[in-house]
């Protein structure tokens, strides 16, 4: 009796077999989608630290721009020029806090009371004319809560004074470290790219640095001109708390579009608190400042290197403000500028590759 050998079946690759081309291709696709999902999750979780790093880069661009500008008139080592810029900035802050601190604190308390009174008057006028329903809870606290809700939740680490100060200190420290040896960090980032992509990275990095320096130069010049002009003009017009309003206008000028609206509303409300004529002077001063900034400073300094459409900047501010709070609102403009430079560089590379292909 003969025993037949069992038939040998052709085995097919299983799920754990990576040698089949189809499985390897599908695993590669799955890995790409999983990596994209993980990257998005990490971007959401690490959004605030990433914004702090970007803030440090922006502050480093400010310090680097001042150091380069000082080098045109003072040919000394870069480290000494950077130290002078840092000391000048620190001296200005100490001088402002020492000589004007107590006066500005007293004015800030009065400003809050004046704003509350003026807003409540507007609410009462709205009730009287039927613009606000009489049964609604139209008070200052409710309106403020709604406005802040529309701009997005302020993040926890900048939601209080301690968090704001710690975030500011981190941005300043990062900026000083990066501005001290920018090429060191640039080479460290380039090391993570393939060799054939590093030249393109260096070109893009240089353009981003140039764009940030020009953008921040225009921003600081606008802050200085707007703050000084508003403070002096309001003082001559007899508007109360002119010094505080000038400082607030200069600080809010760092936020294009939205900052000018906020400072304008504060200035006009305080102006009308001293009378109709003073309020009209406040409106005229605000319009004059915005014309100087919009038609002289921005076109001359910022748009030559950045050329960002106002609607694009405003949309980015609303989006980043809603997602990341005050810090996202402040950094929306530099982030959009850097993205624009990166996309322009990619378009140049694509055009060069297309031209290199023989017809």
Protein backbone atom coordinates (compact mmCIF):
# COMPACT_ATOMS: atom_id res chain seq x y z
CA UNK A 1 0.00 0.00 0.00
CA UNK A 2 1.46 3.26 -1.07
CA UNK A 3 0.97 6.52 0.83
CA UNK A 4 0.46 9.55 -1.35
CA UNK A 5 2.43 12.61 -0.51
CA UNK A 6 0.30 15.62 0.47
CA UNK A 7 -0.18 18.13 -2.28
CA UNK A 8 2.04 21.15 -1.96
CA UNK A 9 -0.06 24.32 -2.07
CA UNK A 10 1.32 27.63 -3.26
CA UNK A 11 1.48 29.82 -0.17
CA UNK A 12 0.48 33.47 -0.45
CA UNK A 13 2.18 36.20 1.53
CA UNK A 14 0.46 37.09 4.82
CA UNK A 15 0.04 40.38 6.66
CA UNK A 16 3.42 40.00 8.38
CA UNK A 17 5.27 39.40 5.11
CA UNK A 18 6.96 42.60 3.92
CA UNK A 19 8.52 41.20 0.76
CA UNK A 20 5.44 41.45 -1.39
CA UNK A 21 5.53 44.70 -3.42
CA UNK A 22 1.84 45.35 -2.93
CA UNK A 23 2.04 45.05 0.85
CA UNK A 24 5.14 47.22 1.00
CA UNK A 25 3.43 49.89 -1.09
CA UNK A 26 0.30 49.86 1.06
CA UNK A 27 2.38 49.96 4.25
CA UNK A 28 4.26 52.95 2.91
CA UNK A 29 0.99 54.76 2.21
CA UNK A 30 -0.35 53.91 5.65
CA UNK A 31 2.88 55.14 7.25
CA UNK A 32 2.59 58.45 5.39
CA UNK A 33 -0.98 59.02 6.57
CA UNK A 34 -0.17 57.97 10.13
CA UNK A 35 2.86 60.27 10.14
CA UNK A 36 0.73 63.15 8.89
CA UNK A 37 -1.85 62.51 11.62
CA UNK A 38 0.87 62.38 14.29
CA UNK A 39 2.44 65.59 12.94
CA UNK A 40 -0.91 67.41 13.10
CA UNK A 41 -1.52 66.15 16.64
CA UNK A 42 1.95 67.25 17.74
CA UNK A 43 1.44 70.66 16.12
CA UNK A 44 -1.76 71.12 18.11
CA UNK A 45 -0.27 69.91 21.40
CA UNK A 46 3.02 71.80 20.96
CA UNK A 47 1.48 74.93 19.43
CA UNK A 48 2.34 77.23 22.32
CA UNK A 49 6.02 76.18 22.64
CA UNK A 50 6.36 76.50 18.87
CA UNK A 51 4.93 80.03 19.04
CA UNK A 52 7.44 80.90 21.75
CA UNK A 53 10.25 79.69 19.49
CA UNK A 54 8.88 81.73 16.59
CA UNK A 55 8.63 84.72 18.91
CA UNK A 56 12.28 84.20 19.81
CA UNK A 57 13.18 84.16 16.10
CA UNK A 58 11.27 87.41 15.56
CA UNK A 59 13.00 89.07 18.51
CA UNK A 60 16.35 87.77 17.24
CA UNK A 61 15.60 89.40 13.88
CA UNK A 62 15.00 92.70 15.68
CA UNK A 63 18.29 92.44 17.56
CA UNK A 64 20.14 91.33 14.43
CA UNK A 65 18.72 94.23 12.44
CA UNK A 66 19.79 96.73 15.11
CA UNK A 67 23.23 95.15 15.28
CA UNK A 68 23.70 95.37 11.50
CA UNK A 69 22.46 98.97 11.47
CA UNK A 70 24.82 99.95 14.27
CA UNK A 71 27.68 98.32 12.36
CA UNK A 72 27.32 100.92 9.61
CA UNK A 73 28.35 103.72 11.96
CA UNK A 74 30.34 101.82 14.58
CA UNK A 75 32.78 99.28 13.07
CA UNK A 76 33.41 97.10 16.12
CA UNK A 77 32.94 93.39 16.81
CA UNK A 78 29.42 92.02 16.41
CA UNK A 79 29.26 90.85 20.03
CA UNK A 80 29.90 94.38 21.29
CA UNK A 81 27.31 95.87 18.93
CA UNK A 82 24.72 93.31 20.06
CA UNK A 83 25.52 94.09 23.70
CA UNK A 84 25.02 97.81 23.03
CA UNK A 85 21.62 97.17 21.41
CA UNK A 86 20.53 95.00 24.35
CA UNK A 87 21.70 97.59 26.87
CA UNK A 88 19.91 100.39 25.01
CA UNK A 89 16.66 98.40 25.01
CA UNK A 90 17.04 97.54 28.69
CA UNK A 91 17.88 101.16 29.53
CA UNK A 92 14.77 102.41 27.76
CA UNK A 93 12.56 99.99 29.68
CA UNK A 94 14.15 100.91 33.01
CA UNK A 95 13.85 104.63 32.25
CA UNK A 96 10.20 104.28 31.31
CA UNK A 97 9.40 102.25 34.42
CA UNK A 98 11.35 104.55 36.76
CA UNK A 99 10.32 107.99 35.53
CA UNK A 100 6.86 107.34 34.17
CA UNK A 101 5.79 104.19 35.96
CA UNK A 102 3.80 105.68 38.82
CA UNK A 103 2.11 108.26 36.61
CA UNK A 104 1.17 105.66 33.99
CA UNK A 105 -0.25 103.29 36.62
CA UNK A 106 -2.48 106.06 37.98
CA UNK A 107 -3.56 106.97 34.47
CA UNK A 108 -4.27 103.32 33.66
CA UNK A 109 -6.72 103.10 36.57
CA UNK A 110 -8.45 106.27 35.41
CA UNK A 111 -8.49 104.98 31.83
CA UNK A 112 -10.38 101.86 32.88
CA UNK A 113 -13.03 103.93 34.64
CA UNK A 114 -13.41 106.28 31.67
CA UNK A 115 -13.74 103.42 29.19
CA UNK A 116 -16.41 101.75 31.34
CA UNK A 117 -18.39 104.99 31.63
CA UNK A 118 -18.18 105.70 27.89
CA UNK A 119 -19.14 102.16 26.87
CA UNK A 120 -22.08 102.21 29.27
CA UNK A 121 -23.18 105.49 27.70
CA UNK A 122 -23.03 103.90 24.26
CA UNK A 123 -25.06 100.95 25.52
CA UNK A 124 -27.66 103.30 27.01
CA UNK A 125 -27.81 105.21 23.71
CA UNK A 126 -28.30 101.92 21.88
CA UNK A 127 -31.15 100.97 24.22
CA UNK A 128 -32.76 104.38 23.71
CA UNK A 129 -32.64 104.15 19.92
CA UNK A 130 -33.67 100.51 19.71
CA UNK A 131 -30.28 99.27 18.48
CA UNK A 132 -29.93 97.02 21.55
CA UNK A 133 -33.02 95.13 22.78
CA UNK A 134 -34.16 96.44 26.12
CA UNK A 135 -34.52 92.94 27.56
CA UNK A 136 -30.97 91.88 26.70
CA UNK A 137 -28.09 91.90 29.14
CA UNK A 138 -26.27 94.75 27.48
CA UNK A 139 -23.56 95.57 29.99
CA UNK A 140 -19.85 96.10 29.68
CA UNK A 141 -18.87 92.74 31.14
CA UNK A 142 -21.14 90.80 28.77
CA UNK A 143 -19.95 92.70 25.68
CA UNK A 144 -16.31 92.27 26.70
CA UNK A 145 -16.88 88.55 27.17
CA UNK A 146 -18.45 88.27 23.73
CA UNK A 147 -15.61 90.21 22.07
CA UNK A 148 -12.98 88.05 23.70
CA UNK A 149 -14.93 84.96 22.69
CA UNK A 150 -14.97 86.09 19.07
CA UNK A 151 -11.22 86.61 19.08
CA UNK A 152 -10.59 83.20 20.58
CA UNK A 153 -9.73 81.97 24.03
CA UNK A 154 -6.62 83.49 25.47
CA UNK A 155 -4.18 80.70 26.14
CA UNK A 156 -3.49 79.69 29.71
CA UNK A 157 0.18 80.65 29.74
CA UNK A 158 -0.53 84.21 28.58
CA UNK A 159 -3.87 84.52 30.32
CA UNK A 160 -2.44 86.09 33.47
CA UNK A 161 0.32 88.47 34.37
CA UNK A 162 2.71 85.76 35.57
CA UNK A 163 2.23 83.68 32.44
CA UNK A 164 2.68 86.73 30.20
CA UNK A 165 5.91 87.69 31.95
CA UNK A 166 7.33 84.16 31.80
CA UNK A 167 6.47 83.91 28.10
CA UNK A 168 8.07 87.28 27.43
CA UNK A 169 11.22 86.27 29.31
CA UNK A 170 11.46 83.04 27.30
CA UNK A 171 11.10 84.94 24.01
CA UNK A 172 13.75 87.46 25.04
CA UNK A 173 16.22 84.77 26.17
CA UNK A 174 15.72 82.73 23.00
CA UNK A 175 16.10 85.85 20.88
CA UNK A 176 19.37 86.84 22.54
CA UNK A 177 20.83 83.34 22.19
CA UNK A 178 19.85 83.12 18.50
CA UNK A 179 21.06 86.66 17.72
CA UNK A 180 24.42 85.97 19.39
CA UNK A 181 25.37 83.17 16.97
CA UNK A 182 22.72 82.91 14.22
CA UNK A 183 24.95 80.87 11.87
CA UNK A 184 25.40 78.20 14.53
CA UNK A 185 21.67 77.49 14.70
CA UNK A 186 21.34 77.80 10.94
CA UNK A 187 24.00 75.13 10.40
CA UNK A 188 22.31 72.93 13.02
CA UNK A 189 19.02 73.06 11.13
CA UNK A 190 20.73 72.54 7.79
CA UNK A 191 22.39 69.38 9.15
CA UNK A 192 18.95 67.72 9.31
CA UNK A 193 18.43 68.21 5.55
CA UNK A 194 19.98 66.06 2.78
CA UNK A 195 23.21 67.38 1.29
CA UNK A 196 21.61 68.26 -2.02
CA UNK A 197 18.93 70.38 -0.25
CA UNK A 198 21.19 72.40 2.06
CA UNK A 199 22.10 75.09 -0.46
CA UNK A 200 18.41 75.78 -1.05
CA UNK A 201 17.84 75.85 2.72
CA UNK A 202 20.58 78.44 3.21
CA UNK A 203 19.12 80.63 0.47
CA UNK A 204 15.62 80.40 1.92
CA UNK A 205 16.92 81.07 5.43
CA UNK A 206 18.78 84.19 4.30
CA UNK A 207 15.69 85.52 2.56
CA UNK A 208 13.53 84.84 5.60
CA UNK A 209 16.00 86.68 7.81
CA UNK A 210 16.11 89.65 5.45
CA UNK A 211 12.32 89.75 5.26
CA UNK A 212 11.93 89.58 9.04
CA UNK A 213 14.48 92.34 9.59
CA UNK A 214 12.76 94.64 7.11
CA UNK A 215 9.31 93.80 8.46
CA UNK A 216 10.34 94.42 12.07
CA UNK A 217 12.19 97.61 11.11
CA UNK A 218 9.00 98.97 9.58
CA UNK A 219 6.99 97.82 12.56
CA UNK A 220 9.28 99.43 15.14
CA UNK A 221 9.48 102.66 13.13
CA UNK A 222 5.69 102.73 12.92
CA UNK A 223 5.37 102.08 16.66
CA UNK A 224 7.77 104.92 17.45
CA UNK A 225 6.17 107.45 15.11
CA UNK A 226 2.61 106.58 16.06
CA UNK A 227 3.30 106.54 19.79
CA UNK A 228 5.20 109.83 19.87
CA UNK A 229 2.88 111.64 17.45
CA UNK A 230 -0.30 110.50 19.22
CA UNK A 231 1.04 111.36 22.67
CA UNK A 232 2.21 114.85 21.67
CA UNK A 233 -0.85 115.63 19.53
CA UNK A 234 -3.31 114.47 22.18
CA UNK A 235 -1.50 116.54 24.80
CA UNK A 236 -1.84 119.68 22.65
CA UNK A 237 -5.50 118.88 21.99
CA UNK A 238 -6.22 118.61 25.71
CA UNK A 239 -7.15 114.91 25.69
CA UNK A 240 -6.77 113.33 29.13
CA UNK A 241 -4.04 110.73 29.72
CA UNK A 242 -2.21 111.64 26.51
CA UNK A 243 1.04 109.96 27.62
CA UNK A 244 -0.64 106.64 28.40
CA UNK A 245 -2.63 106.72 25.16
CA UNK A 246 0.56 107.42 23.22
CA UNK A 247 2.32 104.44 24.79
CA UNK A 248 -0.68 102.17 24.20
CA UNK A 249 -0.91 103.33 20.58
CA UNK A 250 2.77 102.54 20.05
CA UNK A 251 2.41 99.09 21.60
CA UNK A 252 -0.75 98.24 19.67
CA UNK A 253 0.95 99.34 16.45
CA UNK A 254 2.86 96.05 16.60
CA UNK A 255 -0.44 94.41 15.60
CA UNK A 256 -1.29 95.73 12.12
CA UNK A 257 -4.96 96.37 11.37
CA UNK A 258 -6.39 95.09 14.67
CA UNK A 259 -3.99 97.08 16.87
CA UNK A 260 -4.85 100.36 15.16
CA UNK A 261 -8.57 99.69 15.65
CA UNK A 262 -8.13 99.00 19.37
CA UNK A 263 -5.95 102.06 19.98
CA UNK A 264 -8.29 104.23 17.90
CA UNK A 265 -11.34 103.17 19.91
CA UNK A 266 -9.55 103.88 23.20
CA UNK A 267 -8.35 107.28 22.00
CA UNK A 268 -11.77 108.37 20.73
CA UNK A 269 -13.60 107.19 23.84
CA UNK A 270 -11.22 109.09 26.12
CA UNK A 271 -11.40 112.14 23.85
CA UNK A 272 -15.19 112.35 24.02
CA UNK A 273 -15.04 111.96 27.80
CA UNK A 274 -13.55 115.49 27.86
CA UNK A 275 -16.15 116.97 25.49
CA UNK A 276 -17.39 116.83 21.94
CA UNK A 277 -14.70 119.18 20.60
CA UNK A 278 -11.93 117.17 22.24
CA UNK A 279 -13.44 113.96 20.86
CA UNK A 280 -13.42 115.42 17.34
CA UNK A 281 -9.76 116.36 17.80
CA UNK A 282 -9.06 112.75 18.87
CA UNK A 283 -10.76 111.45 15.71
CA UNK A 284 -8.70 113.82 13.55
CA UNK A 285 -5.46 112.76 15.22
CA UNK A 286 -6.30 109.09 14.79
CA UNK A 287 -7.08 109.53 11.09
CA UNK A 288 -3.87 111.52 10.54
CA UNK A 289 -1.76 108.85 12.23
CA UNK A 290 -3.31 106.06 10.18
CA UNK A 291 -2.75 107.99 6.95
CA UNK A 292 0.93 108.55 7.80
CA UNK A 293 1.39 104.90 8.74
CA UNK A 294 -0.61 103.47 5.85
CA UNK A 295 0.64 105.74 3.05
CA UNK A 296 4.19 106.55 4.13
CA UNK A 297 5.74 104.13 6.63
CA UNK A 298 4.33 100.80 5.46
CA UNK A 299 4.86 101.33 1.70
CA UNK A 300 8.34 102.73 2.23
CA UNK A 301 9.74 100.13 4.61
CA UNK A 302 7.63 96.98 4.83
CA UNK A 303 5.93 96.40 1.50
CA UNK A 304 9.14 96.70 -0.48
CA UNK A 305 10.41 93.48 1.04
CA UNK A 306 7.24 91.68 2.17
CA UNK A 307 4.34 92.98 0.04
CA UNK A 308 1.62 91.38 2.13
CA UNK A 309 -1.97 92.12 1.23
CA UNK A 310 -3.86 93.74 4.15
CA UNK A 311 -6.77 91.30 3.81
CA UNK A 312 -4.34 88.35 4.00
CA UNK A 313 -2.74 89.73 7.16
CA UNK A 314 -6.11 90.45 8.78
CA UNK A 315 -7.41 86.97 7.93
CA UNK A 316 -4.27 85.37 9.37
CA UNK A 317 -4.63 87.45 12.54
CA UNK A 318 -8.23 86.35 13.03
CA UNK A 319 -7.30 82.72 12.42
CA UNK A 320 -4.20 82.63 14.63
CA UNK A 321 -5.94 84.72 17.29
CA UNK A 322 -8.85 82.28 17.42
CA UNK A 323 -6.53 79.25 17.53
CA UNK A 324 -3.67 80.41 19.75
CA UNK A 325 -4.81 83.57 21.54
CA UNK A 326 -2.87 86.79 21.98
CA UNK A 327 0.52 85.35 21.08
CA UNK A 328 -0.82 83.91 17.83
CA UNK A 329 -2.40 87.25 17.03
CA UNK A 330 0.91 89.05 17.56
CA UNK A 331 2.95 86.58 15.48
CA UNK A 332 0.50 86.12 12.60
CA UNK A 333 2.16 88.75 10.42
CA UNK A 334 5.74 87.37 10.71
CA UNK A 335 4.53 83.80 10.21
CA UNK A 336 2.66 84.75 7.03
CA UNK A 337 5.74 86.64 5.79
CA UNK A 338 8.01 83.60 6.31
CA UNK A 339 5.50 81.28 4.65
CA UNK A 340 5.34 83.63 1.69
CA UNK A 341 9.13 83.59 1.32
CA UNK A 342 9.20 79.78 1.49
CA UNK A 343 6.46 79.41 -1.14
CA UNK A 344 8.17 81.91 -3.43
CA UNK A 345 11.42 79.96 -3.15
CA UNK A 346 9.63 76.71 -4.00
CA UNK A 347 8.06 78.38 -7.03
CA UNK A 348 11.51 79.53 -8.16
CA UNK A 349 12.90 76.01 -7.82
CA UNK A 350 9.98 74.58 -9.80
CA UNK A 351 10.50 77.18 -12.54
CA UNK A 352 14.24 76.44 -12.68
CA UNK A 353 13.58 72.69 -12.91
CA UNK A 354 11.06 73.26 -15.69
CA UNK A 355 13.49 75.41 -17.65
CA UNK A 356 16.24 72.81 -17.24
CA UNK A 357 14.16 70.08 -18.90
CA UNK A 358 15.06 69.90 -22.61
CA UNK A 359 12.16 70.37 -25.03
